[in-house]
Amino acid sequence: MAKNSIQGKISFVNHEKNYVMVDYDVQGKKKNIRGAIRMPSAKKDNQPVHNYMIGDVVSFNIARADKSDRLVAANIEFKYNDALNNLIDKAQTQNQFKGYLKQSEEGFFVKEIDSYLFLPLLMSPWQQIPGIDELNEPVLFSLHIPKNREKISAELLHPKFITEYNKAQKLFKSEATIPAVIAAIKPHSIYLNIIGEALQAKLPNDGKDYKIGEELPVKISFLGPKKIVVEKV
């Protein structure tokens, strides 16, 4: 821990503007201070930057803001988050939780029902955008936990998909032949509209004389919430 560092807990996060509010105590008096954070995509010493969230215990130094006498939190470093650690431990045996769907300027989040954890919602490219009537409503979700445990997010257990994806599921189950339409041709790949322009896939370019707009019969060999794979018939 850096010299003269203070320990506090994050009470507010704005990832879009890259700042947090930190609560801390000084001789028994509760105080609050604002501090800048790095983008989650940034790296330090080849390590991903922590995706800060409410409840994170952090260390920081108090400094003067540039060109101002205002005090800010500097050198913010993540220490731990008991609520998040407890959730991760539970996910190892039963990865199913309850929460509430929320929306902010930064996108959609799930607030875990027993804590102040706001987890960014990981969505399929073919998932319906939640409507206003779905916000603040209870949902079931699972944790998506990367190997480095940074950028932990929530995935809805019962997501709603667009009509084209639901149709693709039926075609996949029935092993039906689909008249896909060639949308683009690249040196190594052919891009196909499988069901309109909303559902697309690609095939290796085998060098044949394909034309954009031409129909190419294919079957779906794999279909998941984040990936679709097709093969020529």
C-alpha atoms as a PDB file:
ATOM      1  CA  MET A   1       0.000   0.000   0.000  1.00  0.00           C
ATOM      2  CA  ALA A   2       1.363   3.415  -0.984  1.00  0.00           C
ATOM      3  CA  LYS A   3       2.620   5.829   1.660  1.00  0.00           C
ATOM      4  CA  ASN A   4      -0.162   7.863   3.314  1.00  0.00           C
ATOM      5  CA  SER A   5      -2.773   5.813   1.482  1.00  0.00           C
ATOM      6  CA  ILE A   6      -6.337   5.637   2.764  1.00  0.00           C
ATOM      7  CA  GLN A   7      -8.772   2.740   2.520  1.00  0.00           C
ATOM      8  CA  GLY A   8     -12.363   3.284   1.468  1.00  0.00           C
ATOM      9  CA  LYS A   9     -15.307   1.690  -0.298  1.00  0.00           C
ATOM     10  CA  ILE A  10     -16.744   2.649  -3.690  1.00  0.00           C
ATOM     11  CA  SER A  11     -20.312   3.948  -3.431  1.00  0.00           C
ATOM     12  CA  PHE A  12     -20.860   5.052  -7.050  1.00  0.00           C
ATOM     13  CA  VAL A  13     -19.331   4.166 -10.436  1.00  0.00           C
ATOM     14  CA  ASN A  14     -19.576   5.888 -13.804  1.00  0.00           C
ATOM     15  CA  HIS A  15     -17.683   3.791 -16.359  1.00  0.00           C
ATOM     16  CA  GLU A  16     -18.709   6.070 -19.207  1.00  0.00           C
ATOM     17  CA  LYS A  17     -16.949   9.074 -17.642  1.00  0.00           C
ATOM     18  CA  ASN A  18     -14.353   6.921 -15.837  1.00  0.00           C
ATOM     19  CA  TYR A  19     -14.816   8.093 -12.274  1.00  0.00           C
ATOM     20  CA  VAL A  20     -15.955   6.692  -8.930  1.00  0.00           C
ATOM     21  CA  MET A  21     -17.101   8.079  -5.594  1.00  0.00           C
ATOM     22  CA  VAL A  22     -15.341   6.601  -2.570  1.00  0.00           C
ATOM     23  CA  ASP A  23     -16.642   6.627   1.021  1.00  0.00           C
ATOM     24  CA  TYR A  24     -14.004   6.682   3.779  1.00  0.00           C
ATOM     25  CA  ASP A  25     -13.599   7.597   7.453  1.00  0.00           C
ATOM     26  CA  VAL A  26     -11.411  10.260   9.003  1.00  0.00           C
ATOM     27  CA  GLN A  27     -11.268  10.116  12.807  1.00  0.00           C
ATOM     28  CA  GLY A  28     -14.770   8.643  12.943  1.00  0.00           C
ATOM     29  CA  LYS A  29     -16.246  11.116  10.444  1.00  0.00           C
ATOM     30  CA  LYS A  30     -17.644   9.735   7.181  1.00  0.00           C
ATOM     31  CA  LYS A  31     -16.423  11.462   4.032  1.00  0.00           C
ATOM     32  CA  ASN A  32     -16.859  11.036   0.294  1.00  0.00           C
ATOM     33  CA  ILE A  33     -14.407  11.826  -2.507  1.00  0.00           C
ATOM     34  CA  ARG A  34     -14.332  11.562  -6.282  1.00  0.00           C
ATOM     35  CA  GLY A  35     -11.532   9.888  -8.223  1.00  0.00           C
ATOM     36  CA  ALA A  36     -10.655   8.930 -11.782  1.00  0.00           C
ATOM     37  CA  ILE A  37     -10.319   5.297 -12.892  1.00  0.00           C
ATOM     38  CA  ARG A  38      -8.736   3.748 -15.957  1.00  0.00           C
ATOM     39  CA  MET A  39     -10.822   2.259 -18.737  1.00  0.00           C
ATOM     40  CA  PRO A  40     -11.548  -1.460 -18.140  1.00  0.00           C
ATOM     41  CA  SER A  41      -9.952  -2.199 -21.525  1.00  0.00           C
ATOM     42  CA  ALA A  42      -6.686  -0.507 -20.508  1.00  0.00           C
ATOM     43  CA  LYS A  43      -3.760  -2.538 -19.204  1.00  0.00           C
ATOM     44  CA  LYS A  44      -1.046  -2.013 -16.631  1.00  0.00           C
ATOM     45  CA  ASP A  45       2.048  -4.206 -16.697  1.00  0.00           C
ATOM     46  CA  ASN A  46       0.242  -6.461 -19.212  1.00  0.00           C
ATOM     47  CA  GLN A  47      -2.549  -7.082 -16.701  1.00  0.00           C
ATOM     48  CA  PRO A  48      -6.226  -6.168 -17.367  1.00  0.00           C
ATOM     49  CA  VAL A  49      -7.524  -3.228 -15.352  1.00  0.00           C
ATOM     50  CA  HIS A  50     -10.129  -4.036 -12.715  1.00  0.00           C
ATOM     51  CA  ASN A  51     -13.765  -3.371 -13.668  1.00  0.00           C
ATOM     52  CA  TYR A  52     -14.727  -1.264 -10.640  1.00  0.00           C
ATOM     53  CA  MET A  53     -18.138  -1.703  -9.025  1.00  0.00           C
ATOM     54  CA  ILE A  54     -20.057  -0.583  -5.964  1.00  0.00           C
ATOM     55  CA  GLY A  55     -18.763  -2.259  -2.803  1.00  0.00           C
ATOM     56  CA  ASP A  56     -15.143  -2.493  -3.950  1.00  0.00           C
ATOM     57  CA  VAL A  57     -12.711  -1.806  -1.129  1.00  0.00           C
ATOM     58  CA  VAL A  58      -9.894   0.342  -2.516  1.00  0.00           C
ATOM     59  CA  SER A  59      -6.800   2.190  -1.361  1.00  0.00           C
ATOM     60  CA  PHE A  60      -6.079   5.723  -2.597  1.00  0.00           C
ATOM     61  CA  ASN A  61      -4.207   8.940  -1.904  1.00  0.00           C
ATOM     62  CA  ILE A  62      -5.751  12.367  -1.532  1.00  0.00           C
ATOM     63  CA  ALA A  63      -4.346  14.905  -3.995  1.00  0.00           C
ATOM     64  CA  ARG A  64      -5.143  18.270  -5.535  1.00  0.00           C
ATOM     65  CA  ALA A  65      -6.950  18.204  -8.857  1.00  0.00           C
ATOM     66  CA  ASP A  66      -5.085  19.686 -11.818  1.00  0.00           C
ATOM     67  CA  LYS A  67      -5.504  23.468 -12.021  1.00  0.00           C
ATOM     68  CA  SER A  68      -7.797  23.394  -8.991  1.00  0.00           C
ATOM     69  CA  ASP A  69      -7.780  23.349  -5.209  1.00  0.00           C
ATOM     70  CA  ARG A  70     -10.377  20.572  -5.225  1.00  0.00           C
ATOM     71  CA  LEU A  71      -9.301  17.370  -3.465  1.00  0.00           C
ATOM     72  CA  VAL A  72      -9.606  14.112  -5.385  1.00  0.00           C
ATOM     73  CA  ALA A  73      -8.787  10.436  -4.894  1.00  0.00           C
ATOM     74  CA  ALA A  74      -5.601   9.499  -6.759  1.00  0.00           C
ATOM     75  CA  ASN A  75      -3.771   6.192  -7.323  1.00  0.00           C
ATOM     76  CA  ILE A  76      -6.936   4.187  -6.737  1.00  0.00           C
ATOM     77  CA  GLU A  77      -6.192   0.475  -6.348  1.00  0.00           C
ATOM     78  CA  PHE A  78      -8.702  -2.354  -5.964  1.00  0.00           C
ATOM     79  CA  LYS A  79      -8.251  -4.503  -2.835  1.00  0.00           C
ATOM     80  CA  TYR A  80     -11.266  -6.790  -2.545  1.00  0.00           C
ATOM     81  CA  ASN A  81     -15.040  -7.018  -2.702  1.00  0.00           C
ATOM     82  CA  ASP A  82     -16.538  -9.448  -0.182  1.00  0.00           C
ATOM     83  CA  ALA A  83     -19.974  -9.465  -1.814  1.00  0.00           C
ATOM     84  CA  LEU A  84     -18.511 -10.252  -5.238  1.00  0.00           C
ATOM     85  CA  ASN A  85     -16.191 -12.928  -3.835  1.00  0.00           C
ATOM     86  CA  ASN A  86     -19.152 -14.586  -2.105  1.00  0.00           C
ATOM     87  CA  LEU A  87     -21.110 -14.548  -5.364  1.00  0.00           C
ATOM     88  CA  ILE A  88     -18.209 -16.085  -7.289  1.00  0.00           C
ATOM     89  CA  ASP A  89     -17.852 -18.836  -4.679  1.00  0.00           C
ATOM     90  CA  LYS A  90     -21.568 -19.668  -4.909  1.00  0.00           C
ATOM     91  CA  ALA A  91     -21.347 -19.782  -8.705  1.00  0.00           C
ATOM     92  CA  GLN A  92     -18.921 -22.711  -8.505  1.00  0.00           C
ATOM     93  CA  THR A  93     -21.708 -24.996  -7.246  1.00  0.00           C
ATOM     94  CA  GLN A  94     -24.929 -23.340  -8.412  1.00  0.00           C
ATOM     95  CA  ASN A  95     -24.582 -20.557 -10.945  1.00  0.00           C
ATOM     96  CA  GLN A  96     -28.082 -19.152 -10.642  1.00  0.00           C
ATOM     97  CA  PHE A  97     -28.987 -15.905  -8.919  1.00  0.00           C
ATOM     98  CA  LYS A  98     -31.836 -13.443  -8.562  1.00  0.00           C
ATOM     99  CA  GLY A  99     -31.604  -9.769  -9.381  1.00  0.00           C
ATOM    100  CA  TYR A 100     -33.260  -6.761 -10.951  1.00  0.00           C
ATOM    101  CA  LEU A 101     -32.739  -5.489 -14.476  1.00  0.00           C
ATOM    102  CA  LYS A 102     -31.402  -1.920 -14.556  1.00  0.00           C
ATOM    103  CA  GLN A 103     -30.361   0.580 -17.212  1.00  0.00           C
ATOM    104  CA  SER A 104     -27.961   3.521 -17.088  1.00  0.00           C
ATOM    105  CA  GLU A 105     -26.163   5.732 -19.586  1.00  0.00           C
ATOM    106  CA  GLU A 106     -23.634   2.930 -19.944  1.00  0.00           C
ATOM    107  CA  GLY A 107     -26.104   0.197 -20.860  1.00  0.00           C
ATOM    108  CA  PHE A 108     -27.950  -2.607 -19.071  1.00  0.00           C
ATOM    109  CA  PHE A 109     -26.998  -4.047 -15.687  1.00  0.00           C
ATOM    110  CA  VAL A 110     -28.308  -6.622 -13.238  1.00  0.00           C
ATOM    111  CA  LYS A 111     -28.445  -5.642  -9.556  1.00  0.00           C
ATOM    112  CA  GLU A 112     -27.934  -8.742  -7.423  1.00  0.00           C
ATOM    113  CA  ILE A 113     -30.878  -9.010  -5.036  1.00  0.00           C
ATOM    114  CA  ASP A 114     -28.915  -9.313  -1.766  1.00  0.00           C
ATOM    115  CA  SER A 115     -26.183  -6.745  -2.391  1.00  0.00           C
ATOM    116  CA  TYR A 116     -25.353  -3.486  -4.123  1.00  0.00           C
ATOM    117  CA  LEU A 117     -23.482  -5.254  -6.900  1.00  0.00           C
ATOM    118  CA  PHE A 118     -24.353  -3.918 -10.343  1.00  0.00           C
ATOM    119  CA  LEU A 119     -23.128  -6.406 -12.939  1.00  0.00           C
ATOM    120  CA  PRO A 120     -22.953  -5.391 -16.617  1.00  0.00           C
ATOM    121  CA  LEU A 121     -25.329  -7.469 -18.712  1.00  0.00           C
ATOM    122  CA  LEU A 122     -23.640  -9.644 -21.331  1.00  0.00           C
ATOM    123  CA  MET A 123     -26.021  -9.950 -24.267  1.00  0.00           C
ATOM    124  CA  SER A 124     -26.218 -12.094 -27.385  1.00  0.00           C
ATOM    125  CA  PRO A 125     -26.078 -10.198 -30.698  1.00  0.00           C
ATOM    126  CA  TRP A 126     -29.489 -11.743 -31.404  1.00  0.00           C
ATOM    127  CA  GLN A 127     -31.036 -10.953 -28.037  1.00  0.00           C
ATOM    128  CA  GLN A 128     -33.962  -8.552 -27.856  1.00  0.00           C
ATOM    129  CA  ILE A 129     -33.139  -5.223 -26.247  1.00  0.00           C
ATOM    130  CA  PRO A 130     -35.078  -5.145 -22.933  1.00  0.00           C
ATOM    131  CA  GLY A 131     -38.089  -2.846 -22.980  1.00  0.00           C
ATOM    132  CA  ILE A 132     -38.946  -0.161 -20.432  1.00  0.00           C
ATOM    133  CA  ASP A 133     -41.554  -2.465 -18.880  1.00  0.00           C
ATOM    134  CA  GLU A 134     -38.812  -5.011 -18.078  1.00  0.00           C
ATOM    135  CA  LEU A 135     -36.624  -2.586 -16.120  1.00  0.00           C
ATOM    136  CA  ASN A 136     -36.560  -2.959 -12.318  1.00  0.00           C
ATOM    137  CA  GLU A 137     -38.273  -6.332 -12.685  1.00  0.00           C
ATOM    138  CA  PRO A 138     -36.874  -9.512 -11.073  1.00  0.00           C
ATOM    139  CA  VAL A 139     -34.762 -11.765 -13.305  1.00  0.00           C
ATOM    140  CA  LEU A 140     -32.730 -14.945 -12.972  1.00  0.00           C
ATOM    141  CA  PHE A 141     -29.120 -14.709 -14.083  1.00  0.00           C
ATOM    142  CA  SER A 142     -25.795 -16.521 -14.053  1.00  0.00           C
ATOM    143  CA  LEU A 143     -22.294 -15.121 -13.672  1.00  0.00           C
ATOM    144  CA  HIS A 144     -19.935 -14.966 -16.638  1.00  0.00           C
ATOM    145  CA  ILE A 145     -16.496 -15.252 -15.023  1.00  0.00           C
ATOM    146  CA  PRO A 146     -13.400 -14.803 -17.238  1.00  0.00           C
ATOM    147  CA  LYS A 147     -10.229 -16.645 -16.246  1.00  0.00           C
ATOM    148  CA  ASN A 148      -8.617 -13.467 -14.896  1.00  0.00           C
ATOM    149  CA  ARG A 149     -11.800 -12.623 -12.927  1.00  0.00           C
ATOM    150  CA  GLU A 150     -11.858  -9.100 -14.343  1.00  0.00           C
ATOM    151  CA  LYS A 151     -14.916  -7.831 -16.225  1.00  0.00           C
ATOM    152  CA  ILE A 152     -17.305 -10.231 -14.466  1.00  0.00           C
ATOM    153  CA  SER A 153     -20.761  -9.870 -15.977  1.00  0.00           C
ATOM    154  CA  ALA A 154     -24.298 -11.260 -15.779  1.00  0.00           C
ATOM    155  CA  GLU A 155     -26.156 -13.365 -18.348  1.00  0.00           C
ATOM    156  CA  LEU A 156     -29.935 -13.754 -18.205  1.00  0.00           C
ATOM    157  CA  LEU A 157     -31.036 -17.367 -17.793  1.00  0.00           C
ATOM    158  CA  HIS A 158     -34.174 -16.782 -19.867  1.00  0.00           C
ATOM    159  CA  PRO A 159     -33.267 -14.204 -22.523  1.00  0.00           C
ATOM    160  CA  LYS A 160     -35.670 -13.203 -25.272  1.00  0.00           C
ATOM    161  CA  PHE A 161     -34.343 -13.514 -28.809  1.00  0.00           C
ATOM    162  CA  ILE A 162     -35.320 -11.859 -32.065  1.00  0.00           C
ATOM    163  CA  THR A 163     -37.738 -13.692 -34.377  1.00  0.00           C
ATOM    164  CA  GLU A 164     -34.973 -14.620 -36.838  1.00  0.00           C
ATOM    165  CA  TYR A 165     -32.977 -16.412 -34.141  1.00  0.00           C
ATOM    166  CA  ASN A 166     -36.023 -18.363 -32.961  1.00  0.00           C
ATOM    167  CA  LYS A 167     -36.632 -19.415 -36.560  1.00  0.00           C
ATOM    168  CA  ALA A 168     -32.983 -20.459 -36.894  1.00  0.00           C
ATOM    169  CA  GLN A 169     -33.340 -22.682 -33.819  1.00  0.00           C
ATOM    170  CA  LYS A 170     -36.183 -24.571 -35.513  1.00  0.00           C
ATOM    171  CA  LEU A 171     -34.188 -24.914 -38.742  1.00  0.00           C
ATOM    172  CA  PHE A 172     -31.185 -26.180 -36.780  1.00  0.00           C
ATOM    173  CA  LYS A 173     -33.217 -28.814 -34.939  1.00  0.00           C
ATOM    174  CA  SER A 174     -34.852 -30.053 -38.143  1.00  0.00           C
ATOM    175  CA  GLU A 175     -31.540 -30.011 -40.058  1.00  0.00           C
ATOM    176  CA  ALA A 176     -33.309 -28.081 -42.807  1.00  0.00           C
ATOM    177  CA  THR A 177     -31.563 -26.730 -45.893  1.00  0.00           C
ATOM    178  CA  ILE A 178     -31.555 -22.925 -45.953  1.00  0.00           C
ATOM    179  CA  PRO A 179     -31.247 -20.792 -49.138  1.00  0.00           C
ATOM    180  CA  ALA A 180     -28.715 -18.344 -47.698  1.00  0.00           C
ATOM    181  CA  VAL A 181     -27.922 -15.194 -49.670  1.00  0.00           C
ATOM    182  CA  ILE A 182     -24.343 -14.081 -50.301  1.00  0.00           C
ATOM    183  CA  ALA A 183     -23.906 -10.629 -48.752  1.00  0.00           C
ATOM    184  CA  ALA A 184     -20.166 -10.095 -49.196  1.00  0.00           C
ATOM    185  CA  ILE A 185     -17.159 -11.869 -50.691  1.00  0.00           C
ATOM    186  CA  LYS A 186     -13.692 -11.524 -49.192  1.00  0.00           C
ATOM    187  CA  PRO A 187     -10.425 -13.250 -50.180  1.00  0.00           C
ATOM    188  CA  HIS A 188     -10.762 -15.827 -47.401  1.00  0.00           C
ATOM    189  CA  SER A 189     -14.463 -15.777 -46.485  1.00  0.00           C
ATOM    190  CA  ILE A 190     -17.960 -15.602 -47.920  1.00  0.00           C
ATOM    191  CA  TYR A 191     -20.480 -13.751 -45.762  1.00  0.00           C
ATOM    192  CA  LEU A 192     -24.057 -14.987 -45.827  1.00  0.00           C
ATOM    193  CA  ASN A 193     -27.435 -13.645 -44.793  1.00  0.00           C
ATOM    194  CA  ILE A 194     -28.997 -16.741 -43.257  1.00  0.00           C
ATOM    195  CA  ILE A 195     -32.396 -15.328 -42.340  1.00  0.00           C
ATOM    196  CA  GLY A 196     -32.562 -11.793 -43.647  1.00  0.00           C
ATOM    197  CA  GLU A 197     -29.784  -9.409 -42.625  1.00  0.00           C
ATOM    198  CA  ALA A 198     -30.374  -9.958 -38.900  1.00  0.00           C
ATOM    199  CA  LEU A 199     -28.723 -13.388 -38.811  1.00  0.00           C
ATOM    200  CA  GLN A 200     -25.420 -13.811 -40.626  1.00  0.00           C
ATOM    201  CA  ALA A 201     -22.664 -16.402 -40.872  1.00  0.00           C
ATOM    202  CA  LYS A 202     -19.593 -17.044 -43.004  1.00  0.00           C
ATOM    203  CA  LEU A 203     -17.960 -19.834 -44.971  1.00  0.00           C
ATOM    204  CA  PRO A 204     -14.377 -20.265 -46.173  1.00  0.00           C
ATOM    205  CA  ASN A 205     -13.920 -18.915 -49.701  1.00  0.00           C
ATOM    206  CA  ASP A 206     -13.137 -21.976 -51.831  1.00  0.00           C
ATOM    207  CA  GLY A 207     -12.322 -19.859 -54.898  1.00  0.00           C
ATOM    208  CA  LYS A 208     -15.478 -20.544 -56.907  1.00  0.00           C
ATOM    209  CA  ASP A 209     -17.104 -17.790 -58.957  1.00  0.00           C
ATOM    210  CA  TYR A 210     -19.617 -16.562 -56.391  1.00  0.00           C
ATOM    211  CA  LYS A 211     -21.708 -13.437 -56.852  1.00  0.00           C
ATOM    212  CA  ILE A 212     -23.263 -11.113 -54.274  1.00  0.00           C
ATOM    213  CA  GLY A 213     -27.000 -11.765 -54.059  1.00  0.00           C
ATOM    214  CA  GLU A 214     -26.611 -15.380 -55.177  1.00  0.00           C
ATOM    215  CA  GLU A 215     -28.356 -18.057 -53.127  1.00  0.00           C
ATOM    216  CA  LEU A 216     -26.197 -20.723 -51.522  1.00  0.00           C
ATOM    217  CA  PRO A 217     -27.865 -23.734 -49.844  1.00  0.00           C
ATOM    218  CA  VAL A 218     -26.508 -24.363 -46.326  1.00  0.00           C
ATOM    219  CA  LYS A 219     -27.353 -26.115 -43.079  1.00  0.00           C
ATOM    220  CA  ILE A 220     -26.744 -24.818 -39.583  1.00  0.00           C
ATOM    221  CA  SER A 221     -24.180 -27.106 -37.911  1.00  0.00           C
ATOM    222  CA  PHE A 222     -23.920 -25.125 -34.667  1.00  0.00           C
ATOM    223  CA  LEU A 223     -26.133 -22.481 -33.097  1.00  0.00           C
ATOM    224  CA  GLY A 224     -25.464 -20.749 -29.788  1.00  0.00           C
ATOM    225  CA  PRO A 225     -26.319 -17.379 -28.268  1.00  0.00           C
ATOM    226  CA  LYS A 226     -23.031 -15.882 -29.508  1.00  0.00           C
ATOM    227  CA  LYS A 227     -22.109 -17.951 -32.566  1.00  0.00           C
ATOM    228  CA  ILE A 228     -23.632 -19.563 -35.647  1.00  0.00           C
ATOM    229  CA  VAL A 229     -21.797 -22.035 -37.887  1.00  0.00           C
ATOM    230  CA  VAL A 230     -23.066 -23.243 -41.258  1.00  0.00           C
ATOM    231  CA  GLU A 231     -21.894 -25.737 -43.876  1.00  0.00           C
ATOM    232  CA  LYS A 232     -22.669 -25.992 -47.563  1.00  0.00           C
ATOM    233  CA  VAL A 233     -25.179 -28.615 -48.674  1.00  0.00           C
END
